[in-house]
């Protein structure tokens, strides 16, 4: 969906919500919010519909309030509040239908309020503050992150070598996620504000073009190459961190070499 079509969809969605007395607000999320970056041809529409309590469950099932209803190819209930919709052209909607009180269940970072009939902006501002505090409060320390990262590499390659290729790759993928979390925490970058505090994999290639590019290419290769890349990049980018497990990394590097991978 190009920029003009994307904006037209957003405008029509907002118009429909504004014309429907069951809606209290509409909140754009992620790229739809157009805060730090604009949506591109591959962006979905991600939003909260804030509705009056007596209509919430009905609107989670109805599709008539959405634009281009006749072009919907798939729609399903993902969570208690969330719905996913796929159009015939491949465009995706991910949205949740909340009452004002149910917004307390939401975790938010980038958002833009498109419609507010009372209390929506204030509640979202509060939820953003709570989300930031919760992420900070529950963030694991460096020793735990490095330990988890390194043992995921070790277990992943062990399973891969045993023949459990799918399970082994899943462990290495988790090691990638942990590496990106550590990278964001310890390596400053001019565009670091574009990173997503709720998903450490988002926009890594843009914020860290060299490291992100190397890691992305390694992900396209085999598991052994990915494991070696993770260890190499960690030595290069994160060895300055006091908790960096030098002996552990050396041990896993030697173990990989002994596997002839």
Foldseek 3Di string as FASTA:
>chain_A
DAPVVLVVQVVLLLVLLVVDQFFQWKKWADQRLVDLHHDHPQDATEIETAGDPVCQVVVLPDDVSHPPSVQWDDKDADDPFWIWTAGPVGHIYIYGYHYLVRCLVDAGARMDISHHNPDNVVSVVVNPVVNVVVLVVPPDDPLVLLVLLLVLLVVLVVCVVVVVPVVSVVSLVVSVQSLLVLLLVQPDFPVSVSADSVGSVPCPCVRPVVLNVQQVVQNVDGSLSNSVSSLVVCVVRPVVPPSNPVVSSVVSVVVSVVVVD
